[in-house]
Structures are given as C-alpha cells and as structure tokens.
Amino acid sequence: MINYTHYTSKNEHPEDVIYREKNYISRLQEHIDSVYDTLADNLRLTEKGKDMLFDYIFNSTENDGFEDYLDSYGIEYDDIFSETSRCCGRCCCEKEG
C-alpha cells in the first residue's frame, strides 16, 4: 500500500475522495441516461431521431433550438418522429386516418 502524505484541503485521504466521487458520477450518469431515455420515449422518435437527439444533447455546442440543429443537417421534424407520434390521440385523428 502506498503511504499517502498528500491529503485534500479538507484533510481527506485521496482514495476516499476518489471513490466517493466516482460513485457519485456513476449515479449521475445513470440519472442522465434515464432522463434521456424517458425524453426519447415520450417523443416517440425513430432510431434516427434518437441518434440526432443524443448528438444534439451530448455533443453539440449549438445554442439554437433542436429544429435549427436538425435543419443544419437537412432533416425535418417529420423525418425523426415515428408514425404513432403524429396523432394527438383525439378521436378526430382516428376519423381522419
């Protein structure tokens, strides 16, 4: 075992701090994944839509809206939503369809 002489400013052992923060970050990632999955499911996106949403949220530096982001790739909203997401769920849509 390494004999640590460097403690944090709060006099904590480095291994204790690293372990605690590693677990905290892991729990945050699980929460982030859950929020993203719920969002994608609620929007009823196609696989392409899920990919675009993921890229927009996690990789894009774009500050404009999601629609502008899609537009920059030549993609329209209708291209990323599944057929079932186009209905508002009211009986009038069933009569039209």
C-alpha atoms as a PDB file:
ATOM      1  CA  MET A   1       0.000   0.000   0.000  1.00  0.00           C
ATOM      2  CA  ILE A   2       1.197   3.463  -0.858  1.00  0.00           C
ATOM      3  CA  ASN A   3       1.787   5.772   2.061  1.00  0.00           C
ATOM      4  CA  TYR A   4      -0.064   8.943   1.127  1.00  0.00           C
ATOM      5  CA  THR A   5       1.178  12.175   2.586  1.00  0.00           C
ATOM      6  CA  HIS A   6      -0.973  14.393   0.398  1.00  0.00           C
ATOM      7  CA  TYR A   7      -4.474  14.864   1.665  1.00  0.00           C
ATOM      8  CA  THR A   8      -7.177  17.137   0.323  1.00  0.00           C
ATOM      9  CA  SER A   9      -7.762  20.609   1.658  1.00  0.00           C
ATOM     10  CA  LYS A  10     -10.433  19.047   3.886  1.00  0.00           C
ATOM     11  CA  ASN A  11      -7.876  16.556   5.212  1.00  0.00           C
ATOM     12  CA  GLU A  12      -9.450  13.617   3.402  1.00  0.00           C
ATOM     13  CA  HIS A  13      -7.491  10.695   2.068  1.00  0.00           C
ATOM     14  CA  PRO A  14      -7.282  10.864  -1.768  1.00  0.00           C
ATOM     15  CA  GLU A  15      -8.609   7.306  -2.191  1.00  0.00           C
ATOM     16  CA  ASP A  16     -11.686   8.137  -0.115  1.00  0.00           C
ATOM     17  CA  VAL A  17     -12.447  11.223  -2.185  1.00  0.00           C
ATOM     18  CA  ILE A  18     -11.858   9.457  -5.489  1.00  0.00           C
ATOM     19  CA  TYR A  19     -14.073   6.518  -4.507  1.00  0.00           C
ATOM     20  CA  ARG A  20     -16.882   8.790  -3.319  1.00  0.00           C
ATOM     21  CA  GLU A  21     -16.792  10.997  -6.427  1.00  0.00           C
ATOM     22  CA  LYS A  22     -16.524   8.015  -8.767  1.00  0.00           C
ATOM     23  CA  ASN A  23     -19.712   6.576  -7.287  1.00  0.00           C
ATOM     24  CA  TYR A  24     -21.434   9.952  -7.422  1.00  0.00           C
ATOM     25  CA  ILE A  25     -20.539  10.403 -11.100  1.00  0.00           C
ATOM     26  CA  SER A  26     -21.773   6.882 -11.841  1.00  0.00           C
ATOM     27  CA  ARG A  27     -25.135   7.650 -10.200  1.00  0.00           C
ATOM     28  CA  LEU A  28     -25.351  10.914 -12.151  1.00  0.00           C
ATOM     29  CA  GLN A  29     -24.720   9.048 -15.398  1.00  0.00           C
ATOM     30  CA  GLU A  30     -27.485   6.578 -14.582  1.00  0.00           C
ATOM     31  CA  HIS A  31     -29.835   9.502 -13.935  1.00  0.00           C
ATOM     32  CA  ILE A  32     -28.806  11.251 -17.156  1.00  0.00           C
ATOM     33  CA  ASP A  33     -29.374   8.043 -19.135  1.00  0.00           C
ATOM     34  CA  SER A  34     -32.805   7.619 -17.565  1.00  0.00           C
ATOM     35  CA  VAL A  35     -33.833  11.214 -18.320  1.00  0.00           C
ATOM     36  CA  TYR A  36     -32.644  10.908 -21.927  1.00  0.00           C
ATOM     37  CA  ASP A  37     -34.417   7.559 -22.447  1.00  0.00           C
ATOM     38  CA  THR A  38     -37.654   8.943 -20.998  1.00  0.00           C
ATOM     39  CA  LEU A  39     -37.447  12.014 -23.234  1.00  0.00           C
ATOM     40  CA  ALA A  40     -36.782   9.956 -26.361  1.00  0.00           C
ATOM     41  CA  ASP A  41     -39.592   7.531 -25.499  1.00  0.00           C
ATOM     42  CA  ASN A  42     -42.079  10.315 -24.750  1.00  0.00           C
ATOM     43  CA  LEU A  43     -41.270  11.977 -28.068  1.00  0.00           C
ATOM     44  CA  ARG A  44     -41.712   8.622 -29.851  1.00  0.00           C
ATOM     45  CA  LEU A  45     -38.661   9.182 -32.005  1.00  0.00           C
ATOM     46  CA  THR A  46     -37.389   6.910 -34.725  1.00  0.00           C
ATOM     47  CA  GLU A  47     -33.907   5.446 -34.282  1.00  0.00           C
ATOM     48  CA  LYS A  48     -32.591   8.257 -36.489  1.00  0.00           C
ATOM     49  CA  GLY A  49     -34.418  10.732 -34.260  1.00  0.00           C
ATOM     50  CA  LYS A  50     -32.902   9.225 -31.130  1.00  0.00           C
ATOM     51  CA  ASP A  51     -29.442   9.468 -32.683  1.00  0.00           C
ATOM     52  CA  MET A  52     -29.983  13.111 -33.620  1.00  0.00           C
ATOM     53  CA  LEU A  53     -31.372  13.988 -30.186  1.00  0.00           C
ATOM     54  CA  PHE A  54     -28.447  12.255 -28.478  1.00  0.00           C
ATOM     55  CA  ASP A  55     -25.946  14.116 -30.630  1.00  0.00           C
ATOM     56  CA  TYR A  56     -27.730  17.427 -30.044  1.00  0.00           C
ATOM     57  CA  ILE A  57     -27.833  16.989 -26.274  1.00  0.00           C
ATOM     58  CA  PHE A  58     -24.456  15.429 -25.594  1.00  0.00           C
ATOM     59  CA  ASN A  59     -22.166  16.526 -28.429  1.00  0.00           C
ATOM     60  CA  SER A  60     -23.477  19.737 -29.925  1.00  0.00           C
ATOM     61  CA  THR A  61     -22.267  23.170 -28.947  1.00  0.00           C
ATOM     62  CA  GLU A  62     -25.211  24.676 -30.795  1.00  0.00           C
ATOM     63  CA  ASN A  63     -27.274  27.000 -28.645  1.00  0.00           C
ATOM     64  CA  ASP A  64     -30.153  27.295 -31.067  1.00  0.00           C
ATOM     65  CA  GLY A  65     -33.167  25.024 -30.849  1.00  0.00           C
ATOM     66  CA  PHE A  66     -33.361  21.405 -31.842  1.00  0.00           C
ATOM     67  CA  GLU A  67     -35.256  22.287 -35.004  1.00  0.00           C
ATOM     68  CA  ASP A  68     -32.411  24.576 -36.105  1.00  0.00           C
ATOM     69  CA  TYR A  69     -29.962  21.796 -35.319  1.00  0.00           C
ATOM     70  CA  LEU A  70     -31.914  19.366 -37.492  1.00  0.00           C
ATOM     71  CA  ASP A  71     -32.170  21.968 -40.236  1.00  0.00           C
ATOM     72  CA  SER A  72     -28.380  22.305 -40.292  1.00  0.00           C
ATOM     73  CA  TYR A  73     -28.315  18.613 -41.322  1.00  0.00           C
ATOM     74  CA  GLY A  74     -31.137  18.978 -43.817  1.00  0.00           C
ATOM     75  CA  ILE A  75     -33.508  16.987 -41.605  1.00  0.00           C
ATOM     76  CA  GLU A  76     -37.101  17.950 -40.891  1.00  0.00           C
ATOM     77  CA  TYR A  77     -39.116  17.125 -37.776  1.00  0.00           C
ATOM     78  CA  ASP A  78     -41.316  14.702 -39.710  1.00  0.00           C
ATOM     79  CA  ASP A  79     -38.213  12.672 -40.578  1.00  0.00           C
ATOM     80  CA  ILE A  80     -37.462  11.773 -36.952  1.00  0.00           C
ATOM     81  CA  PHE A  81     -40.837  11.040 -35.387  1.00  0.00           C
ATOM     82  CA  SER A  82     -42.491   7.650 -35.589  1.00  0.00           C
ATOM     83  CA  GLU A  83     -45.866   7.378 -37.268  1.00  0.00           C
ATOM     84  CA  THR A  84     -47.652   6.988 -33.918  1.00  0.00           C
ATOM     85  CA  SER A  85     -46.295  10.298 -32.621  1.00  0.00           C
ATOM     86  CA  ARG A  86     -48.089  12.263 -35.320  1.00  0.00           C
ATOM     87  CA  CYS A  87     -51.517  11.683 -33.822  1.00  0.00           C
ATOM     88  CA  CYS A  88     -52.718  13.820 -30.952  1.00  0.00           C
ATOM     89  CA  GLY A  89     -54.718  10.867 -29.618  1.00  0.00           C
ATOM     90  CA  ARG A  90     -58.118  12.516 -30.010  1.00  0.00           C
ATOM     91  CA  CYS A  91     -60.946  10.769 -31.792  1.00  0.00           C
ATOM     92  CA  CYS A  92     -60.843  13.286 -34.657  1.00  0.00           C
ATOM     93  CA  CYS A  93     -57.433  11.927 -35.720  1.00  0.00           C
ATOM     94  CA  GLU A  94     -58.778   8.401 -35.822  1.00  0.00           C
ATOM     95  CA  LYS A  95     -61.582   9.525 -38.139  1.00  0.00           C
ATOM     96  CA  GLU A  96     -59.105  11.259 -40.473  1.00  0.00           C
ATOM     97  CA  GLY A  97     -56.602   8.372 -40.566  1.00  0.00           C
END
